[in-house]
C-alpha cells in the first residue's frame, strides 16, 4: 500500500522536526520561533503558488497549486486555526518537557483520531490494528510512571496537560484533513492537497504575526528573550516535507486516517534517539520499554494494513 509507505516516510521526517524544534526552543522565546516557522514554511511554498498561477511549468505535476475560491479557502482558514492552536500548546509543552517524554505522549495522539475515524468515517480496524492501538494506550500509562522518576507528575504538571491538549487538537486536525482531501464521492470536500498546504501556511503566518505583535512584542523585554538559531529553518523544511507526503497519502484511494495518524507517530523513534544523542536525557532504560510498545504497535498496524 503506497499510502502506508508514505505515512512511514512522513513519520521519519517528523522525528527530525521534533528534534530541531526542541533545539530551537531551548532558552528561547516560543512565539517568535513559531512565527518564523510559519514564515519559512510560507516562503517554501510561495514559489509553487506563483508558478502555478502565472506559468504552465507545474501543470499536471504534484506541485501544481490550483486556483481556489472562497469555498475552499474558508475550510483552509479553519484548518489553520486548529493547527496553530495545536502548535502553540505543543511548542510551550515541548520546551519544558524532555523529548523522551513528549515524543511517546504525542505517539498516543492517533488513539483520539481512531475514535473520531470510527464515529465519523465508519472506518473498521482488524485484530492486528486493534492490537496496535491497545499497545499504544498501555505505553502511555507506563510512560507516566517513567515521568515520575524525573519529577514529572502527569496528574499535576501543567505542561503535560498542555501537551495532551495539543494532541487532542492534532487529532481534530487529522480528522479534518481526511474530510477536506477525501474525494466528494467518499463524503469529503475533494480539496487539492497542494492548495490546502500552501495556503494554510500563509494563513498561519498572518495569524501568528497578529499574535506576536499583540501578545509577545509589548512584553518582550520582560519575558524570555528571542535568539536566532539556524535550526528554526530546519523546523520548517522537515515539517513542510512531512506534511506534503502526509497530505498526498491521505488523498490516495482507500487511505485510512486512523492508520496514517498512528503510523506518523512512529516519529517517536527518531525523536527518542535524538533525545539520547543530542540532549543527553535521563531514565532512558524505563522509557525504552515505552518506546518498544510503540514500535510493536506500529508493527501490528503494518501487518494489519497488509
Protein backbone atom coordinates (compact mmCIF):
# COMPACT_ATOMS: atom_id res chain seq x y z
CA UNK A 1 0.00 0.00 0.00
CA UNK A 2 1.60 3.22 -1.19
CA UNK A 3 -0.28 5.41 1.29
CA UNK A 4 1.05 3.34 4.21
CA UNK A 5 4.66 3.55 2.99
CA UNK A 6 4.29 7.30 2.58
CA UNK A 7 2.99 7.54 6.15
CA UNK A 8 6.17 5.91 7.47
CA UNK A 9 8.31 8.28 5.38
CA UNK A 10 6.39 11.23 6.82
CA UNK A 11 6.96 9.83 10.32
CA UNK A 12 10.74 9.80 9.91
CA UNK A 13 10.74 13.43 8.82
CA UNK A 14 8.52 14.37 11.78
CA UNK A 15 11.02 12.81 14.18
CA UNK A 16 13.76 15.17 12.99
CA UNK A 17 11.26 18.03 13.05
CA UNK A 18 10.65 17.37 16.77
CA UNK A 19 14.38 17.32 17.48
CA UNK A 20 15.02 20.61 15.66
CA UNK A 21 12.03 22.11 17.46
CA UNK A 22 13.42 21.10 20.84
CA UNK A 23 16.83 22.55 19.96
CA UNK A 24 15.35 25.84 18.73
CA UNK A 25 13.20 26.31 21.83
CA UNK A 26 15.96 25.79 24.38
CA UNK A 27 16.24 29.05 26.39
CA UNK A 28 14.31 30.80 23.64
CA UNK A 29 11.02 32.68 23.24
CA UNK A 30 8.31 30.36 21.91
CA UNK A 31 6.09 32.77 19.96
CA UNK A 32 8.83 34.24 17.68
CA UNK A 33 10.13 30.73 16.92
CA UNK A 34 6.63 29.63 15.96
CA UNK A 35 6.10 32.76 13.86
CA UNK A 36 9.37 32.24 11.96
CA UNK A 37 8.39 28.63 11.37
CA UNK A 38 5.24 29.82 9.57
CA UNK A 39 7.25 32.44 7.64
CA UNK A 40 9.82 29.96 6.29
CA UNK A 41 7.13 27.38 5.50
CA UNK A 42 5.26 30.03 3.53
CA UNK A 43 8.43 31.01 1.65
CA UNK A 44 8.96 27.36 0.70
CA UNK A 45 5.53 27.09 -0.91
CA UNK A 46 5.05 30.60 -2.30
CA UNK A 47 7.03 29.80 -5.50
CA UNK A 48 4.65 26.91 -6.22
CA UNK A 49 1.64 29.24 -5.91
CA UNK A 50 3.18 31.89 -8.17
CA UNK A 51 4.44 29.42 -10.78
CA UNK A 52 1.07 27.67 -10.87
CA UNK A 53 -0.80 30.94 -11.31
CA UNK A 54 1.42 32.71 -13.83
CA UNK A 55 3.14 29.88 -15.73
CA UNK A 56 2.41 26.38 -17.00
CA UNK A 57 5.63 24.88 -15.63
CA UNK A 58 3.91 22.83 -12.92
CA UNK A 59 0.78 21.84 -14.84
CA UNK A 60 0.00 18.17 -14.34
CA UNK A 61 2.58 17.72 -11.55
CA UNK A 62 2.18 17.01 -7.85
CA UNK A 63 3.43 20.51 -7.08
CA UNK A 64 0.76 22.37 -9.05
CA UNK A 65 -1.42 24.63 -6.88
CA UNK A 66 -4.85 25.03 -8.47
CA UNK A 67 -6.80 28.26 -8.18
CA UNK A 68 -9.33 28.16 -5.37
CA UNK A 69 -12.19 30.37 -4.36
CA UNK A 70 -13.78 31.23 -1.03
CA UNK A 71 -15.45 27.79 -1.00
CA UNK A 72 -12.07 26.12 -0.49
CA UNK A 73 -10.36 28.89 1.44
CA UNK A 74 -12.94 29.10 4.23
CA UNK A 75 -12.13 25.48 5.12
CA UNK A 76 -8.40 26.15 4.90
CA UNK A 77 -8.68 29.14 7.28
CA UNK A 78 -10.36 26.91 9.86
CA UNK A 79 -7.64 24.31 9.31
CA UNK A 80 -5.01 26.99 10.00
CA UNK A 81 -6.68 27.98 13.29
CA UNK A 82 -6.85 24.38 14.51
CA UNK A 83 -3.23 23.59 13.62
CA UNK A 84 -1.89 26.84 15.02
CA UNK A 85 -3.68 26.22 18.32
CA UNK A 86 -2.19 22.73 18.49
CA UNK A 87 1.30 24.01 17.63
CA UNK A 88 1.17 26.76 20.25
CA UNK A 89 0.25 24.32 23.01
CA UNK A 90 2.80 21.79 21.77
CA UNK A 91 5.67 24.28 21.46
CA UNK A 92 5.25 25.53 25.02
CA UNK A 93 4.99 21.97 26.33
CA UNK A 94 7.99 20.57 24.48
CA UNK A 95 10.12 23.48 25.67
CA UNK A 96 9.60 22.38 29.29
CA UNK A 97 9.44 18.58 28.90
CA UNK A 98 12.13 16.04 27.97
CA UNK A 99 11.92 14.92 24.34
CA UNK A 100 11.84 11.31 25.53
CA UNK A 101 8.64 12.12 27.44
CA UNK A 102 6.97 14.41 24.89
CA UNK A 103 7.59 12.05 21.97
CA UNK A 104 5.80 8.99 23.36
CA UNK A 105 2.89 11.14 24.61
CA UNK A 106 2.48 12.55 21.10
CA UNK A 107 2.56 8.97 19.85
CA UNK A 108 -0.76 8.32 21.62
CA UNK A 109 -2.47 11.07 19.58
CA UNK A 110 -3.81 8.65 16.93
CA UNK A 111 -5.92 6.89 19.57
CA UNK A 112 -8.06 10.05 19.67
CA UNK A 113 -8.03 10.14 15.86
CA UNK A 114 -9.09 6.50 15.79
CA UNK A 115 -12.20 7.16 17.86
CA UNK A 116 -13.14 10.01 15.57
CA UNK A 117 -12.48 7.94 12.44
CA UNK A 118 -14.68 5.14 13.73
CA UNK A 119 -17.50 7.56 14.54
CA UNK A 120 -17.27 9.97 11.60
CA UNK A 121 -15.89 7.98 8.67
CA UNK A 122 -17.10 4.47 9.53
CA UNK A 123 -13.59 3.04 9.33
CA UNK A 124 -13.12 -0.51 10.60
CA UNK A 125 -9.95 -1.96 12.11
CA UNK A 126 -8.93 -5.60 12.04
CA UNK A 127 -7.49 -7.51 15.01
CA UNK A 128 -3.88 -6.59 14.20
CA UNK A 129 -4.75 -2.92 14.07
CA UNK A 130 -6.70 -3.07 17.33
CA UNK A 131 -3.65 -4.74 18.92
CA UNK A 132 -1.51 -1.82 17.76
CA UNK A 133 -3.89 0.69 19.29
CA UNK A 134 -4.03 -1.22 22.58
CA UNK A 135 -0.24 -1.34 22.88
CA UNK A 136 -0.06 2.42 22.33
CA UNK A 137 -2.56 3.05 25.13
CA UNK A 138 -0.58 0.83 27.51
CA UNK A 139 2.63 2.69 26.65
CA UNK A 140 1.06 5.96 27.81
CA UNK A 141 0.33 4.63 31.28
CA UNK A 142 3.84 3.18 31.59
CA UNK A 143 5.27 6.50 30.46
CA UNK A 144 3.52 8.28 33.33
CA UNK A 145 5.45 6.06 35.74
CA UNK A 146 8.74 6.85 33.99
CA UNK A 147 7.97 10.55 34.21
CA UNK A 148 7.59 10.43 37.98
CA UNK A 149 11.26 9.45 38.29
CA UNK A 150 12.13 12.81 36.72
CA UNK A 151 9.77 14.76 38.95
CA UNK A 152 7.02 14.96 36.33
CA UNK A 153 3.62 14.21 37.84
CA UNK A 154 1.23 13.57 34.97
CA UNK A 155 -1.77 14.46 37.17
CA UNK A 156 -0.50 17.88 38.24
CA UNK A 157 2.03 19.01 35.62
CA UNK A 158 0.60 21.83 33.50
CA UNK A 159 2.97 21.10 30.62
CA UNK A 160 1.63 17.55 30.40
CA UNK A 161 -1.92 18.89 30.18
CA UNK A 162 -0.82 21.39 27.55
CA UNK A 163 0.78 18.59 25.54
CA UNK A 164 -2.39 16.49 25.82
CA UNK A 165 -4.42 19.47 24.61
CA UNK A 166 -2.03 19.82 21.67
CA UNK A 167 -2.51 16.11 20.93
CA UNK A 168 -6.31 16.44 21.07
CA UNK A 169 -6.26 19.41 18.70
CA UNK A 170 -3.88 17.47 16.47
CA UNK A 171 -6.36 14.61 16.36
CA UNK A 172 -9.13 17.02 15.37
CA UNK A 173 -6.84 18.38 12.65
CA UNK A 174 -6.14 14.87 11.35
CA UNK A 175 -9.84 14.07 11.05
CA UNK A 176 -10.45 17.42 9.38
CA UNK A 177 -7.61 16.70 6.92
CA UNK A 178 -9.28 13.47 5.86
CA UNK A 179 -12.59 15.28 5.41
CA UNK A 180 -11.02 18.02 3.28
CA UNK A 181 -8.87 15.94 0.92
CA UNK A 182 -11.14 12.91 0.55
CA UNK A 183 -13.00 12.76 -2.80
CA UNK A 184 -16.53 14.14 -2.88
CA UNK A 185 -17.77 10.66 -3.81
CA UNK A 186 -16.44 9.41 -0.46
CA UNK A 187 -18.08 12.18 1.56
CA UNK A 188 -15.13 14.61 1.57
CA UNK A 189 -14.61 18.05 0.07
CA UNK A 190 -12.07 16.98 -2.55
CA UNK A 191 -9.77 19.94 -1.90
CA UNK A 192 -6.40 19.64 -3.62
CA UNK A 193 -3.60 18.82 -1.17
CA UNK A 194 -1.22 21.47 -2.55
CA UNK A 195 -3.93 24.13 -2.42
CA UNK A 196 -4.57 23.32 1.22
CA UNK A 197 -0.95 23.02 2.36
CA UNK A 198 0.30 26.10 0.51
CA UNK A 199 -2.42 28.43 1.71
CA UNK A 200 -2.75 27.18 5.26
CA UNK A 201 0.88 28.16 5.85
CA UNK A 202 0.07 31.66 4.58
CA UNK A 203 -2.96 31.98 6.85
CA UNK A 204 -0.94 30.66 9.78
CA UNK A 205 1.76 33.26 9.16
CA UNK A 206 -0.84 36.03 9.18
CA UNK A 207 -2.50 34.76 12.36
CA UNK A 208 0.82 34.19 14.11
CA UNK A 209 2.01 37.65 13.09
CA UNK A 210 -1.01 39.16 14.84
CA UNK A 211 -0.34 37.06 17.95
CA UNK A 212 3.31 38.09 18.06
CA UNK A 213 2.62 41.80 17.63
CA UNK A 214 -0.19 41.91 20.19
CA UNK A 215 0.93 39.42 22.84
CA UNK A 216 4.72 38.99 22.67
CA UNK A 217 6.14 42.23 21.30
CA UNK A 218 4.78 44.53 24.07
CA UNK A 219 6.28 42.33 26.84
CA UNK A 220 9.38 41.06 25.01
CA UNK A 221 11.78 42.86 27.38
CA UNK A 222 10.19 41.23 30.41
CA UNK A 223 9.95 37.66 29.12
CA UNK A 224 12.32 35.06 27.71
CA UNK A 225 14.40 36.83 25.03
CA UNK A 226 14.47 35.62 21.45
CA UNK A 227 17.72 34.41 19.93
CA UNK A 228 18.28 33.25 16.36
CA UNK A 229 19.00 29.56 15.83
CA UNK A 230 19.63 28.03 12.36
CA UNK A 231 17.57 25.02 13.46
CA UNK A 232 14.47 27.21 13.07
CA UNK A 233 14.85 26.89 9.30
CA UNK A 234 15.20 23.12 9.66
CA UNK A 235 11.88 23.03 11.54
CA UNK A 236 10.10 24.47 8.51
CA UNK A 237 11.91 22.31 5.94
CA UNK A 238 11.28 18.99 7.68
CA UNK A 239 7.71 19.85 8.67
CA UNK A 240 6.81 21.00 5.16
CA UNK A 241 8.22 17.81 3.62
CA UNK A 242 6.48 15.62 6.19
CA UNK A 243 3.14 17.38 5.65
CA UNK A 244 3.42 17.22 1.85
CA UNK A 245 3.90 13.45 1.95
CA UNK A 246 1.14 13.12 4.57
CA UNK A 247 -1.46 15.04 2.56
CA UNK A 248 -0.56 13.11 -0.58
CA UNK A 249 -1.01 9.83 1.29
CA UNK A 250 -4.44 10.91 2.53
CA UNK A 251 -5.51 11.81 -1.00
CA UNK A 252 -4.89 8.27 -2.26
CA UNK A 253 -7.82 5.83 -2.57
CA UNK A 254 -8.58 3.66 0.50
CA UNK A 255 -6.22 5.65 2.76
CA UNK A 256 -7.33 5.24 6.39
CA UNK A 257 -6.79 8.31 8.56
CA UNK A 258 -6.79 6.18 11.72
CA UNK A 259 -3.85 4.12 10.45
CA UNK A 260 -1.99 7.01 8.80
CA UNK A 261 -2.15 9.04 12.03
CA UNK A 262 -0.92 6.10 14.10
CA UNK A 263 2.00 5.40 11.75
CA UNK A 264 3.00 9.07 11.70
CA UNK A 265 3.52 8.87 15.46
CA UNK A 266 6.30 6.34 14.92
CA UNK A 267 8.33 9.53 14.56
CA UNK A 268 8.92 8.98 18.28
CA UNK A 269 11.69 6.53 17.32
CA UNK A 270 13.75 9.29 15.70
CA UNK A 271 12.99 11.89 18.37
CA UNK A 272 13.78 9.38 21.15
CA UNK A 273 17.26 8.70 19.83
CA UNK A 274 17.83 12.41 19.24
CA UNK A 275 16.92 12.97 22.88
CA UNK A 276 19.56 10.43 23.85
CA UNK A 277 22.32 11.50 21.47
CA UNK A 278 21.99 15.29 21.48
CA UNK A 279 20.10 16.26 24.64
CA UNK A 280 21.52 13.58 26.98
CA UNK A 281 18.17 12.96 28.64
CA UNK A 282 17.82 10.64 31.62
CA UNK A 283 16.00 7.46 32.65
CA UNK A 284 16.22 6.01 29.16
CA UNK A 285 16.01 2.35 30.19
CA UNK A 286 12.49 2.72 31.56
CA UNK A 287 11.44 4.87 28.61
CA UNK A 288 12.87 2.30 26.21
CA UNK A 289 10.11 -0.10 27.28
CA UNK A 290 7.52 2.52 26.40
CA UNK A 291 9.23 3.01 23.06
CA UNK A 292 9.26 -0.75 22.44
CA UNK A 293 5.50 -0.89 22.96
CA UNK A 294 5.05 1.93 20.47
CA UNK A 295 7.20 0.08 17.94
CA UNK A 296 5.24 -3.13 18.47
CA UNK A 297 2.08 -1.13 17.93
CA UNK A 298 3.46 0.21 14.65
CA UNK A 299 4.40 -3.33 13.59
CA UNK A 300 0.87 -4.56 14.31
CA UNK A 301 -0.55 -1.73 12.24
CA UNK A 302 1.81 -2.54 9.37
CA UNK A 303 0.77 -6.20 9.40
CA UNK A 304 -2.87 -5.23 9.67
CA UNK A 305 -2.52 -2.85 6.75
CA UNK A 306 -1.32 -5.68 4.51
